[in-house]
Amino acid sequence: MLIETEGLRIYHTGDTEYDLRLRALAYDAERPIDVMMTVINGTGGNMNAHEAALLAWQLGPTVAIPMHHILWKDFTGGEQATNDPQLFAQTYQRLGGTGEVKSLAVGEGIQLSRATVNTARG
């Protein structure tokens, strides 16, 4: 889902698998993705941390927010699950991603505005 509001372009991957066609979002150089909120849990047909990091690197958001990784209280999600958002951040940085990774705790919010994104842009 792509949301455009108050001068920001926010891409929310939703539950999705990595697909090369998603890179098309990066082709609009005049209107880049400011914020990417991406699933990283790696189960149920969703991207894992590495796939999400690859997509973030390809799209080049200013802020990347890994989501959908703290899903189970007592169940790990299985062998394929990505439960640590640091794996996303490390992979993204190794690929050359330059955006700020914001890993949020359960219940933690984030305020997104043109000013905060410009600050992250440096």
PDB file of N, CA and C in Angstrom:
ATOM      1  N   MET A   1       0.847  -1.150   0.000  1.00  0.00           N
ATOM      2  CA  MET A   1       0.000   0.000   0.000  1.00  0.00           C
ATOM      3  C   MET A   1       0.905   1.230   0.000  1.00  0.00           C
ATOM      4  N   LEU A   2       0.628   2.152  -0.874  1.00  0.00           N
ATOM      5  CA  LEU A   2       1.388   3.393  -0.947  1.00  0.00           C
ATOM      6  C   LEU A   2       0.481   4.530  -0.485  1.00  0.00           C
ATOM      7  N   ILE A   3       0.936   5.235   0.529  1.00  0.00           N
ATOM      8  CA  ILE A   3       0.167   6.338   1.102  1.00  0.00           C
ATOM      9  C   ILE A   3       0.929   7.622   0.837  1.00  0.00           C
ATOM     10  N   GLU A   4       0.242   8.588   0.290  1.00  0.00           N
ATOM     11  CA  GLU A   4       0.839   9.900   0.090  1.00  0.00           C
ATOM     12  C   GLU A   4       0.041  10.892   0.917  1.00  0.00           C
ATOM     13  N   THR A   5       0.714  11.519   1.882  1.00  0.00           N
ATOM     14  CA  THR A   5       0.038  12.451   2.771  1.00  0.00           C
ATOM     15  C   THR A   5       1.014  13.505   3.268  1.00  0.00           C
ATOM     16  N   GLU A   6       0.581  14.707   3.299  1.00  0.00           N
ATOM     17  CA  GLU A   6       1.367  15.822   3.827  1.00  0.00           C
ATOM     18  C   GLU A   6       2.799  15.836   3.312  1.00  0.00           C
ATOM     19  N   GLY A   7       2.944  15.583   2.016  1.00  0.00           N
ATOM     20  CA  GLY A   7       4.261  15.627   1.402  1.00  0.00           C
ATOM     21  C   GLY A   7       5.115  14.404   1.609  1.00  0.00           C
ATOM     22  N   LEU A   8       4.580  13.359   2.219  1.00  0.00           N
ATOM     23  CA  LEU A   8       5.334  12.115   2.446  1.00  0.00           C
ATOM     24  C   LEU A   8       4.775  10.995   1.586  1.00  0.00           C
ATOM     25  N   ARG A   9       5.676  10.136   1.109  1.00  0.00           N
ATOM     26  CA  ARG A   9       5.266   8.902   0.438  1.00  0.00           C
ATOM     27  C   ARG A   9       5.666   7.760   1.367  1.00  0.00           C
ATOM     28  N   ILE A  10       4.664   7.058   1.877  1.00  0.00           N
ATOM     29  CA  ILE A  10       4.867   5.984   2.841  1.00  0.00           C
ATOM     30  C   ILE A  10       4.440   4.676   2.181  1.00  0.00           C
ATOM     31  N   TYR A  11       5.353   3.728   2.132  1.00  0.00           N
ATOM     32  CA  TYR A  11       5.059   2.419   1.554  1.00  0.00           C
ATOM     33  C   TYR A  11       4.956   1.397   2.675  1.00  0.00           C
ATOM     34  N   HIS A  12       3.804   0.774   2.782  1.00  0.00           N
ATOM     35  CA  HIS A  12       3.539  -0.294   3.753  1.00  0.00           C
ATOM     36  C   HIS A  12       3.443  -1.583   2.956  1.00  0.00           C
ATOM     37  N   THR A  13       4.382  -2.496   3.183  1.00  0.00           N
ATOM     38  CA  THR A  13       4.407  -3.713   2.368  1.00  0.00           C
ATOM     39  C   THR A  13       3.217  -4.623   2.630  1.00  0.00           C
ATOM     40  N   GLY A  14       2.638  -4.542   3.825  1.00  0.00           N
ATOM     41  CA  GLY A  14       1.606  -5.512   4.184  1.00  0.00           C
ATOM     42  C   GLY A  14       2.241  -6.895   4.237  1.00  0.00           C
ATOM     43  N   ASP A  15       1.433  -7.911   4.252  1.00  0.00           N
ATOM     44  CA  ASP A  15       1.926  -9.290   4.216  1.00  0.00           C
ATOM     45  C   ASP A  15       2.232  -9.616   2.765  1.00  0.00           C
ATOM     46  N   THR A  16       3.503  -9.739   2.440  1.00  0.00           N
ATOM     47  CA  THR A  16       3.855  -9.998   1.050  1.00  0.00           C
ATOM     48  C   THR A  16       5.177 -10.734   0.937  1.00  0.00           C
ATOM     49  N   GLU A  17       5.344 -11.400  -0.169  1.00  0.00           N
ATOM     50  CA  GLU A  17       6.594 -12.046  -0.511  1.00  0.00           C
ATOM     51  C   GLU A  17       7.442 -11.070  -1.315  1.00  0.00           C
ATOM     52  N   TYR A  18       8.744 -11.296  -1.340  1.00  0.00           N
ATOM     53  CA  TYR A  18       9.615 -10.485  -2.187  1.00  0.00           C
ATOM     54  C   TYR A  18       9.289 -10.795  -3.643  1.00  0.00           C
ATOM     55  N   ASP A  19       9.175  -9.757  -4.430  1.00  0.00           N
ATOM     56  CA  ASP A  19       8.870  -9.907  -5.845  1.00  0.00           C
ATOM     57  C   ASP A  19       9.591  -8.781  -6.581  1.00  0.00           C
ATOM     58  N   LEU A  20      10.291  -9.123  -7.643  1.00  0.00           N
ATOM     59  CA  LEU A  20      11.034  -8.110  -8.397  1.00  0.00           C
ATOM     60  C   LEU A  20      10.154  -6.953  -8.871  1.00  0.00           C
ATOM     61  N   ARG A  21       8.886  -7.216  -9.081  1.00  0.00           N
ATOM     62  CA  ARG A  21       7.996  -6.143  -9.559  1.00  0.00           C
ATOM     63  C   ARG A  21       7.830  -5.031  -8.536  1.00  0.00           C
ATOM     64  N   LEU A  22       8.096  -5.319  -7.263  1.00  0.00           N
ATOM     65  CA  LEU A  22       7.983  -4.290  -6.232  1.00  0.00           C
ATOM     66  C   LEU A  22       9.034  -3.191  -6.414  1.00  0.00           C
ATOM     67  N   ARG A  23      10.121  -3.514  -7.092  1.00  0.00           N
ATOM     68  CA  ARG A  23      11.165  -2.511  -7.343  1.00  0.00           C
ATOM     69  C   ARG A  23      10.653  -1.348  -8.175  1.00  0.00           C
ATOM     70  N   ALA A  24       9.572  -1.539  -8.895  1.00  0.00           N
ATOM     71  CA  ALA A  24       9.024  -0.468  -9.736  1.00  0.00           C
ATOM     72  C   ALA A  24       8.687   0.776  -8.920  1.00  0.00           C
ATOM     73  N   LEU A  25       8.463   0.608  -7.633  1.00  0.00           N
ATOM     74  CA  LEU A  25       8.188   1.768  -6.786  1.00  0.00           C
ATOM     75  C   LEU A  25       9.372   2.734  -6.744  1.00  0.00           C
ATOM     76  N   ALA A  26      10.553   2.260  -7.059  1.00  0.00           N
ATOM     77  CA  ALA A  26      11.749   3.107  -7.033  1.00  0.00           C
ATOM     78  C   ALA A  26      11.944   3.867  -8.334  1.00  0.00           C
ATOM     79  N   TYR A  27      11.180   3.549  -9.349  1.00  0.00           N
ATOM     80  CA  TYR A  27      11.412   4.145 -10.658  1.00  0.00           C
ATOM     81  C   TYR A  27      10.950   5.594 -10.758  1.00  0.00           C
ATOM     82  N   ASP A  28      10.145   6.054  -9.835  1.00  0.00           N
ATOM     83  CA  ASP A  28       9.666   7.431  -9.836  1.00  0.00           C
ATOM     84  C   ASP A  28      10.664   8.289  -9.058  1.00  0.00           C
ATOM     85  N   ALA A  29      11.733   8.690  -9.726  1.00  0.00           N
ATOM     86  CA  ALA A  29      12.822   9.424  -9.064  1.00  0.00           C
ATOM     87  C   ALA A  29      12.371  10.786  -8.538  1.00  0.00           C
ATOM     88  N   GLU A  30      11.336  11.333  -9.120  1.00  0.00           N
ATOM     89  CA  GLU A  30      10.848  12.643  -8.666  1.00  0.00           C
ATOM     90  C   GLU A  30      10.036  12.537  -7.380  1.00  0.00           C
ATOM     91  N   ARG A  31       9.535  11.338  -7.081  1.00  0.00           N
ATOM     92  CA  ARG A  31       8.734  11.130  -5.867  1.00  0.00           C
ATOM     93  C   ARG A  31       9.215   9.861  -5.169  1.00  0.00           C
ATOM     94  N   PRO A  32      10.378   9.936  -4.515  1.00  0.00           N
ATOM     95  CA  PRO A  32      10.924   8.736  -3.863  1.00  0.00           C
ATOM     96  C   PRO A  32      10.102   8.323  -2.644  1.00  0.00           C
ATOM     97  N   ILE A  33      10.322   7.107  -2.212  1.00  0.00           N
ATOM     98  CA  ILE A  33       9.697   6.594  -0.995  1.00  0.00           C
ATOM     99  C   ILE A  33      10.408   7.232   0.198  1.00  0.00           C
ATOM    100  N   ASP A  34       9.653   7.894   1.047  1.00  0.00           N
ATOM    101  CA  ASP A  34      10.232   8.508   2.239  1.00  0.00           C
ATOM    102  C   ASP A  34      10.340   7.504   3.382  1.00  0.00           C
ATOM    103  N   VAL A  35       9.270   6.735   3.579  1.00  0.00           N
ATOM    104  CA  VAL A  35       9.202   5.796   4.696  1.00  0.00           C
ATOM    105  C   VAL A  35       8.721   4.454   4.157  1.00  0.00           C
ATOM    106  N   MET A  36       9.421   3.391   4.556  1.00  0.00           N
ATOM    107  CA  MET A  36       9.005   2.037   4.187  1.00  0.00           C
ATOM    108  C   MET A  36       8.756   1.262   5.469  1.00  0.00           C
ATOM    109  N   MET A  37       7.549   0.765   5.618  1.00  0.00           N
ATOM    110  CA  MET A  37       7.192  -0.107   6.741  1.00  0.00           C
ATOM    111  C   MET A  37       7.089  -1.505   6.160  1.00  0.00           C
ATOM    112  N   THR A  38       7.971  -2.401   6.614  1.00  0.00           N
ATOM    113  CA  THR A  38       8.079  -3.686   5.941  1.00  0.00           C
ATOM    114  C   THR A  38       7.978  -4.887   6.874  1.00  0.00           C
ATOM    115  N   VAL A  39       7.240  -5.868   6.424  1.00  0.00           N
ATOM    116  CA  VAL A  39       7.127  -7.142   7.111  1.00  0.00           C
ATOM    117  C   VAL A  39       8.481  -7.848   7.028  1.00  0.00           C
ATOM    118  N   ILE A  40       8.894  -8.489   8.123  1.00  0.00           N
ATOM    119  CA  ILE A  40      10.171  -9.226   8.104  1.00  0.00           C
ATOM    120  C   ILE A  40      10.059 -10.611   8.732  1.00  0.00           C
ATOM    121  N   ASN A  41       8.850 -11.066   9.094  1.00  0.00           N
ATOM    122  CA  ASN A  41       8.747 -12.292   9.889  1.00  0.00           C
ATOM    123  C   ASN A  41       9.116 -13.567   9.136  1.00  0.00           C
ATOM    124  N   GLY A  42       9.030 -13.574   7.822  1.00  0.00           N
ATOM    125  CA  GLY A  42       9.516 -14.713   7.047  1.00  0.00           C
ATOM    126  C   GLY A  42       8.670 -15.964   7.087  1.00  0.00           C
ATOM    127  N   THR A  43       7.445 -15.897   7.562  1.00  0.00           N
ATOM    128  CA  THR A  43       6.575 -17.069   7.566  1.00  0.00           C
ATOM    129  C   THR A  43       5.244 -16.717   6.919  1.00  0.00           C
ATOM    130  N   GLY A  44       4.502 -17.737   6.562  1.00  0.00           N
ATOM    131  CA  GLY A  44       3.178 -17.514   5.991  1.00  0.00           C
ATOM    132  C   GLY A  44       3.204 -16.787   4.663  1.00  0.00           C
ATOM    133  N   GLY A  45       4.288 -16.935   3.909  1.00  0.00           N
ATOM    134  CA  GLY A  45       4.397 -16.270   2.618  1.00  0.00           C
ATOM    135  C   GLY A  45       4.920 -14.844   2.702  1.00  0.00           C
ATOM    136  N   ASN A  46       5.416 -14.440   3.852  1.00  0.00           N
ATOM    137  CA  ASN A  46       5.940 -13.078   4.015  1.00  0.00           C
ATOM    138  C   ASN A  46       7.453 -13.042   3.822  1.00  0.00           C
ATOM    139  N   MET A  47       7.958 -11.859   3.475  1.00  0.00           N
ATOM    140  CA  MET A  47       9.397 -11.664   3.347  1.00  0.00           C
ATOM    141  C   MET A  47      10.077 -11.919   4.684  1.00  0.00           C
ATOM    142  N   ASN A  48      11.287 -12.450   4.615  1.00  0.00           N
ATOM    143  CA  ASN A  48      12.104 -12.541   5.818  1.00  0.00           C
ATOM    144  C   ASN A  48      12.953 -11.273   5.903  1.00  0.00           C
ATOM    145  N   ALA A  49      13.780 -11.164   6.914  1.00  0.00           N
ATOM    146  CA  ALA A  49      14.574  -9.955   7.122  1.00  0.00           C
ATOM    147  C   ALA A  49      15.507  -9.666   5.954  1.00  0.00           C
ATOM    148  N   HIS A  50      16.081 -10.698   5.358  1.00  0.00           N
ATOM    149  CA  HIS A  50      17.016 -10.498   4.250  1.00  0.00           C
ATOM    150  C   HIS A  50      16.298 -10.003   3.000  1.00  0.00           C
ATOM    151  N   GLU A  51      15.156 -10.596   2.694  1.00  0.00           N
ATOM    152  CA  GLU A  51      14.388 -10.171   1.518  1.00  0.00           C
ATOM    153  C   GLU A  51      13.874  -8.742   1.697  1.00  0.00           C
ATOM    154  N   ALA A  52      13.396  -8.438   2.890  1.00  0.00           N
ATOM    155  CA  ALA A  52      12.897  -7.088   3.164  1.00  0.00           C
ATOM    156  C   ALA A  52      14.029  -6.074   3.080  1.00  0.00           C
ATOM    157  N   ALA A  53      15.215  -6.438   3.566  1.00  0.00           N
ATOM    158  CA  ALA A  53      16.373  -5.541   3.487  1.00  0.00           C
ATOM    159  C   ALA A  53      16.768  -5.298   2.037  1.00  0.00           C
ATOM    160  N   LEU A  54      16.708  -6.330   1.221  1.00  0.00           N
ATOM    161  CA  LEU A  54      17.015  -6.186  -0.202  1.00  0.00           C
ATOM    162  C   LEU A  54      16.034  -5.215  -0.853  1.00  0.00           C
ATOM    163  N   LEU A  55      14.757  -5.382  -0.577  1.00  0.00           N
ATOM    164  CA  LEU A  55      13.753  -4.485  -1.148  1.00  0.00           C
ATOM    165  C   LEU A  55      13.947  -3.056  -0.648  1.00  0.00           C
ATOM    166  N   ALA A  56      14.244  -2.897   0.629  1.00  0.00           N
ATOM    167  CA  ALA A  56      14.483  -1.550   1.169  1.00  0.00           C
ATOM    168  C   ALA A  56      15.688  -0.917   0.482  1.00  0.00           C
ATOM    169  N   TRP A  57      16.734  -1.685   0.299  1.00  0.00           N
ATOM    170  CA  TRP A  57      17.920  -1.174  -0.384  1.00  0.00           C
ATOM    171  C   TRP A  57      17.566  -0.750  -1.811  1.00  0.00           C
ATOM    172  N   GLN A  58      16.748  -1.541  -2.488  1.00  0.00           N
ATOM    173  CA  GLN A  58      16.365  -1.224  -3.866  1.00  0.00           C
ATOM    174  C   GLN A  58      15.475   0.017  -3.934  1.00  0.00           C
ATOM    175  N   LEU A  59      14.592   0.197  -2.945  1.00  0.00           N
ATOM    176  CA  LEU A  59      13.668   1.339  -2.959  1.00  0.00           C
ATOM    177  C   LEU A  59      14.284   2.611  -2.397  1.00  0.00           C
ATOM    178  N   GLY A  60      15.275   2.471  -1.528  1.00  0.00           N
ATOM    179  CA  GLY A  60      15.978   3.626  -0.992  1.00  0.00           C
ATOM    180  C   GLY A  60      15.165   4.571  -0.121  1.00  0.00           C
ATOM    181  N   PRO A  61      14.363   4.058   0.814  1.00  0.00           N
ATOM    182  CA  PRO A  61      13.604   4.974   1.671  1.00  0.00           C
ATOM    183  C   PRO A  61      14.536   5.735   2.619  1.00  0.00           C
ATOM    184  N   THR A  62      14.066   6.860   3.087  1.00  0.00           N
ATOM    185  CA  THR A  62      14.821   7.636   4.065  1.00  0.00           C
ATOM    186  C   THR A  62      14.746   6.969   5.431  1.00  0.00           C
ATOM    187  N   VAL A  63      13.572   6.405   5.741  1.00  0.00           N
ATOM    188  CA  VAL A  63      13.351   5.700   6.999  1.00  0.00           C
ATOM    189  C   VAL A  63      12.771   4.322   6.677  1.00  0.00           C
ATOM    190  N   ALA A  64      13.340   3.280   7.256  1.00  0.00           N
ATOM    191  CA  ALA A  64      12.825   1.916   7.092  1.00  0.00           C
ATOM    192  C   ALA A  64      12.416   1.388   8.468  1.00  0.00           C
ATOM    193  N   ILE A  65      11.192   0.875   8.541  1.00  0.00           N
ATOM    194  CA  ILE A  65      10.662   0.376   9.806  1.00  0.00           C
ATOM    195  C   ILE A  65      10.325  -1.111   9.654  1.00  0.00           C
ATOM    196  N   PRO A  66      11.120  -1.996  10.265  1.00  0.00           N
ATOM    197  CA  PRO A  66      10.783  -3.421  10.208  1.00  0.00           C
ATOM    198  C   PRO A  66       9.583  -3.708  11.114  1.00  0.00           C
ATOM    199  N   MET A  67       8.669  -4.533  10.613  1.00  0.00           N
ATOM    200  CA  MET A  67       7.454  -4.850  11.362  1.00  0.00           C
ATOM    201  C   MET A  67       7.164  -6.338  11.286  1.00  0.00           C
ATOM    202  N   HIS A  68       6.159  -6.729  12.070  1.00  0.00           N
ATOM    203  CA  HIS A  68       5.594  -8.072  11.982  1.00  0.00           C
ATOM    204  C   HIS A  68       6.615  -9.123  12.380  1.00  0.00           C
ATOM    205  N   HIS A  69       7.417  -8.816  13.399  1.00  0.00           N
ATOM    206  CA  HIS A  69       8.461  -9.742  13.812  1.00  0.00           C
ATOM    207  C   HIS A  69       8.289 -10.189  15.256  1.00  0.00           C
ATOM    208  N   ILE A  70       7.541  -9.475  16.040  1.00  0.00           N
ATOM    209  CA  ILE A  70       7.291  -9.878  17.428  1.00  0.00           C
ATOM    210  C   ILE A  70       5.836 -10.358  17.484  1.00  0.00           C
ATOM    211  N   LEU A  71       5.618 -11.555  16.957  1.00  0.00           N
ATOM    212  CA  LEU A  71       4.244 -12.027  16.769  1.00  0.00           C
ATOM    213  C   LEU A  71       3.793 -13.050  17.791  1.00  0.00           C
ATOM    214  N   TRP A  72       4.735 -13.724  18.422  1.00  0.00           N
ATOM    215  CA  TRP A  72       4.363 -14.836  19.263  1.00  0.00           C
ATOM    216  C   TRP A  72       4.934 -14.664  20.659  1.00  0.00           C
ATOM    217  N   LYS A  73       4.105 -14.871  21.658  1.00  0.00           N
ATOM    218  CA  LYS A  73       4.587 -14.780  23.036  1.00  0.00           C
ATOM    219  C   LYS A  73       5.452 -15.988  23.392  1.00  0.00           C
ATOM    220  N   ASP A  74       4.947 -17.165  23.119  1.00  0.00           N
ATOM    221  CA  ASP A  74       5.670 -18.375  23.500  1.00  0.00           C
ATOM    222  C   ASP A  74       6.094 -19.232  22.313  1.00  0.00           C
ATOM    223  N   PHE A  75       5.637 -18.890  21.121  1.00  0.00           N
ATOM    224  CA  PHE A  75       5.948 -19.662  19.916  1.00  0.00           C
ATOM    225  C   PHE A  75       6.914 -18.845  19.066  1.00  0.00           C
ATOM    226  N   THR A  76       7.999 -19.433  18.653  1.00  0.00           N
ATOM    227  CA  THR A  76       9.028 -18.695  17.915  1.00  0.00           C
ATOM    228  C   THR A  76       8.642 -18.424  16.469  1.00  0.00           C
ATOM    229  N   GLY A  77       7.610 -19.100  15.952  1.00  0.00           N
ATOM    230  CA  GLY A  77       7.257 -18.938  14.555  1.00  0.00           C
ATOM    231  C   GLY A  77       7.922 -19.968  13.669  1.00  0.00           C
ATOM    232  N   GLY A  78       8.792 -20.756  14.256  1.00  0.00           N
ATOM    233  CA  GLY A  78       9.442 -21.814  13.492  1.00  0.00           C
ATOM    234  C   GLY A  78      10.794 -21.389  12.954  1.00  0.00           C
ATOM    235  N   GLU A  79      11.413 -22.324  12.313  1.00  0.00           N
ATOM    236  CA  GLU A  79      12.760 -22.176  11.795  1.00  0.00           C
ATOM    237  C   GLU A  79      12.921 -21.028  10.799  1.00  0.00           C
ATOM    238  N   GLN A  80      11.887 -20.749  10.027  1.00  0.00           N
ATOM    239  CA  GLN A  80      11.962 -19.722   8.992  1.00  0.00           C
ATOM    240  C   GLN A  80      11.693 -18.311   9.508  1.00  0.00           C
ATOM    241  N   ALA A  81      11.237 -18.187  10.726  1.00  0.00           N
ATOM    242  CA  ALA A  81      10.808 -16.890  11.249  1.00  0.00           C
ATOM    243  C   ALA A  81      11.984 -15.967  11.563  1.00  0.00           C
ATOM    244  N   THR A  82      11.781 -14.697  11.308  1.00  0.00           N
ATOM    245  CA  THR A  82      12.737 -13.664  11.692  1.00  0.00           C
ATOM    246  C   THR A  82      12.134 -12.938  12.877  1.00  0.00           C
ATOM    247  N   ASN A  83      12.696 -13.151  14.036  1.00  0.00           N
ATOM    248  CA  ASN A  83      12.168 -12.517  15.241  1.00  0.00           C
ATOM    249  C   ASN A  83      12.998 -11.319  15.694  1.00  0.00           C
ATOM    250  N   ASP A  84      14.133 -11.083  15.077  1.00  0.00           N
ATOM    251  CA  ASP A  84      15.027 -10.016  15.509  1.00  0.00           C
ATOM    252  C   ASP A  84      15.163  -8.957  14.416  1.00  0.00           C
ATOM    253  N   PRO A  85      14.641  -7.761  14.648  1.00  0.00           N
ATOM    254  CA  PRO A  85      14.725  -6.710  13.627  1.00  0.00           C
ATOM    255  C   PRO A  85      16.162  -6.254  13.364  1.00  0.00           C
ATOM    256  N   GLN A  86      17.096  -6.591  14.265  1.00  0.00           N
ATOM    257  CA  GLN A  86      18.492  -6.224  14.035  1.00  0.00           C
ATOM    258  C   GLN A  86      19.058  -6.950  12.809  1.00  0.00           C
ATOM    259  N   LEU A  87      18.546  -8.137  12.522  1.00  0.00           N
ATOM    260  CA  LEU A  87      18.981  -8.866  11.335  1.00  0.00           C
ATOM    261  C   LEU A  87      18.624  -8.077  10.079  1.00  0.00           C
ATOM    262  N   PHE A  88      17.431  -7.480  10.063  1.00  0.00           N
ATOM    263  CA  PHE A  88      17.026  -6.608   8.957  1.00  0.00           C
ATOM    264  C   PHE A  88      18.000  -5.434   8.842  1.00  0.00           C
ATOM    265  N   ALA A  89      18.249  -4.746   9.959  1.00  0.00           N
ATOM    266  CA  ALA A  89      19.111  -3.556   9.961  1.00  0.00           C
ATOM    267  C   ALA A  89      20.522  -3.904   9.481  1.00  0.00           C
ATOM    268  N   GLN A  90      21.079  -5.006   9.970  1.00  0.00           N
ATOM    269  CA  GLN A  90      22.431  -5.398   9.584  1.00  0.00           C
ATOM    270  C   GLN A  90      22.521  -5.741   8.104  1.00  0.00           C
ATOM    271  N   THR A  91      21.535  -6.484   7.605  1.00  0.00           N
ATOM    272  CA  THR A  91      21.528  -6.866   6.195  1.00  0.00           C
ATOM    273  C   THR A  91      21.374  -5.637   5.312  1.00  0.00           C
ATOM    274  N   TYR A  92      20.462  -4.752   5.686  1.00  0.00           N
ATOM    275  CA  TYR A  92      20.223  -3.513   4.944  1.00  0.00           C
ATOM    276  C   TYR A  92      21.505  -2.683   4.862  1.00  0.00           C
ATOM    277  N   GLN A  93      22.204  -2.549   5.971  1.00  0.00           N
ATOM    278  CA  GLN A  93      23.442  -1.764   5.985  1.00  0.00           C
ATOM    279  C   GLN A  93      24.545  -2.443   5.174  1.00  0.00           C
ATOM    280  N   ARG A  94      24.627  -3.753   5.244  1.00  0.00           N
ATOM    281  CA  ARG A  94      25.635  -4.480   4.449  1.00  0.00           C
ATOM    282  C   ARG A  94      25.399  -4.318   2.954  1.00  0.00           C
ATOM    283  N   LEU A  95      24.141  -4.218   2.573  1.00  0.00           N
ATOM    284  CA  LEU A  95      23.807  -4.024   1.161  1.00  0.00           C
ATOM    285  C   LEU A  95      24.121  -2.605   0.690  1.00  0.00           C
ATOM    286  N   GLY A  96      24.325  -1.716   1.635  1.00  0.00           N
ATOM    287  CA  GLY A  96      24.611  -0.325   1.282  1.00  0.00           C
ATOM    288  C   GLY A  96      23.448   0.605   1.521  1.00  0.00           C
ATOM    289  N   GLY A  97      22.422   0.124   2.210  1.00  0.00           N
ATOM    290  CA  GLY A  97      21.277   0.975   2.532  1.00  0.00           C
ATOM    291  C   GLY A  97      21.707   2.164   3.368  1.00  0.00           C
ATOM    292  N   THR A  98      21.223   3.326   3.010  1.00  0.00           N
ATOM    293  CA  THR A  98      21.636   4.544   3.706  1.00  0.00           C
ATOM    294  C   THR A  98      20.522   5.155   4.550  1.00  0.00           C
ATOM    295  N   GLY A  99      19.334   4.599   4.471  1.00  0.00           N
ATOM    296  CA  GLY A  99      18.224   5.127   5.265  1.00  0.00           C
ATOM    297  C   GLY A  99      18.378   4.786   6.736  1.00  0.00           C
ATOM    298  N   GLU A 100      17.645   5.494   7.560  1.00  0.00           N
ATOM    299  CA  GLU A 100      17.642   5.223   8.997  1.00  0.00           C
ATOM    300  C   GLU A 100      16.681   4.077   9.283  1.00  0.00           C
ATOM    301  N   VAL A 101      17.133   3.079  10.015  1.00  0.00           N
ATOM    302  CA  VAL A 101      16.273   1.969  10.424  1.00  0.00           C
ATOM    303  C   VAL A 101      15.728   2.288  11.799  1.00  0.00           C
ATOM    304  N   LYS A 102      14.403   2.277  11.909  1.00  0.00           N
ATOM    305  CA  LYS A 102      13.728   2.544  13.185  1.00  0.00           C
ATOM    306  C   LYS A 102      13.068   1.252  13.628  1.00  0.00           C
ATOM    307  N   SER A 103      13.646   0.585  14.596  1.00  0.00           N
ATOM    308  CA  SER A 103      13.047  -0.620  15.160  1.00  0.00           C
ATOM    309  C   SER A 103      12.227  -0.205  16.368  1.00  0.00           C
ATOM    310  N   LEU A 104      10.938  -0.426  16.301  1.00  0.00           N
ATOM    311  CA  LEU A 104      10.032  -0.003  17.363  1.00  0.00           C
ATOM    312  C   LEU A 104       9.712  -1.164  18.297  1.00  0.00           C
ATOM    313  N   ALA A 105       9.572  -0.865  19.570  1.00  0.00           N
ATOM    314  CA  ALA A 105       9.153  -1.854  20.555  1.00  0.00           C
ATOM    315  C   ALA A 105       7.636  -2.038  20.454  1.00  0.00           C
ATOM    316  N   VAL A 106       7.141  -3.136  20.988  1.00  0.00           N
ATOM    317  CA  VAL A 106       5.696  -3.374  20.992  1.00  0.00           C
ATOM    318  C   VAL A 106       5.016  -2.200  21.679  1.00  0.00           C
ATOM    319  N   GLY A 107       4.052  -1.612  20.995  1.00  0.00           N
ATOM    320  CA  GLY A 107       3.291  -0.485  21.537  1.00  0.00           C
ATOM    321  C   GLY A 107       3.934   0.871  21.333  1.00  0.00           C
ATOM    322  N   GLU A 108       5.168   0.902  20.849  1.00  0.00           N
ATOM    323  CA  GLU A 108       5.858   2.172  20.626  1.00  0.00           C
ATOM    324  C   GLU A 108       5.348   2.810  19.330  1.00  0.00           C
ATOM    325  N   GLY A 109       5.166   4.099  19.361  1.00  0.00           N
ATOM    326  CA  GLY A 109       4.720   4.829  18.187  1.00  0.00           C
ATOM    327  C   GLY A 109       5.854   5.606  17.556  1.00  0.00           C
ATOM    328  N   ILE A 110       5.560   6.159  16.415  1.00  0.00           N
ATOM    329  CA  ILE A 110       6.526   7.007  15.722  1.00  0.00           C
ATOM    330  C   ILE A 110       5.750   8.139  15.062  1.00  0.00           C
ATOM    331  N   GLN A 111       6.287   9.316  15.128  1.00  0.00           N
ATOM    332  CA  GLN A 111       5.662  10.461  14.483  1.00  0.00           C
ATOM    333  C   GLN A 111       6.398  10.709  13.176  1.00  0.00           C
ATOM    334  N   LEU A 112       5.669  10.666  12.095  1.00  0.00           N
ATOM    335  CA  LEU A 112       6.255  10.884  10.783  1.00  0.00           C
ATOM    336  C   LEU A 112       5.788  12.225  10.250  1.00  0.00           C
ATOM    337  N   SER A 113       6.739  13.016   9.830  1.00  0.00           N
ATOM    338  CA  SER A 113       6.418  14.295   9.221  1.00  0.00           C
ATOM    339  C   SER A 113       7.534  14.621   8.243  1.00  0.00           C
ATOM    340  N   ARG A 114       7.308  15.576   7.405  1.00  0.00           N
ATOM    341  CA  ARG A 114       8.340  16.002   6.460  1.00  0.00           C
ATOM    342  C   ARG A 114       9.597  16.406   7.241  1.00  0.00           C
ATOM    343  N   ALA A 115       9.425  17.083   8.373  1.00  0.00           N
ATOM    344  CA  ALA A 115      10.562  17.531   9.173  1.00  0.00           C
ATOM    345  C   ALA A 115      11.371  16.350   9.720  1.00  0.00           C
ATOM    346  N   THR A 116      10.693  15.330  10.270  1.00  0.00           N
ATOM    347  CA  THR A 116      11.433  14.185  10.826  1.00  0.00           C
ATOM    348  C   THR A 116      12.126  13.394   9.728  1.00  0.00           C
ATOM    349  N   VAL A 117      11.486  13.273   8.588  1.00  0.00           N
ATOM    350  CA  VAL A 117      12.096  12.543   7.476  1.00  0.00           C
ATOM    351  C   VAL A 117      13.289  13.338   6.929  1.00  0.00           C
ATOM    352  N   ASN A 118      13.159  14.649   6.823  1.00  0.00           N
ATOM    353  CA  ASN A 118      14.281  15.463   6.362  1.00  0.00           C
ATOM    354  C   ASN A 118      15.451  15.382   7.320  1.00  0.00           C
ATOM    355  N   THR A 119      15.170  15.306   8.625  1.00  0.00           N
ATOM    356  CA  THR A 119      16.231  15.158   9.621  1.00  0.00           C
ATOM    357  C   THR A 119      16.950  13.833   9.430  1.00  0.00           C
ATOM    358  N   ALA A 120      16.187  12.775   9.188  1.00  0.00           N
ATOM    359  CA  ALA A 120      16.782  11.454   8.960  1.00  0.00           C
ATOM    360  C   ALA A 120      17.584  11.428   7.659  1.00  0.00           C
ATOM    361  N   ARG A 121      17.144  12.221   6.693  1.00  0.00           N
ATOM    362  CA  ARG A 121      17.812  12.280   5.405  1.00  0.00           C
ATOM    363  C   ARG A 121      19.200  12.885   5.547  1.00  0.00           C
ATOM    364  N   GLY A 122      19.367  13.744   6.571  1.00  0.00           N
ATOM    365  CA  GLY A 122      20.670  14.326   6.893  1.00  0.00           C
ATOM    366  C   GLY A 122      21.036  15.383   5.951  1.00  0.00           C
TER     367      GLY A 122
END
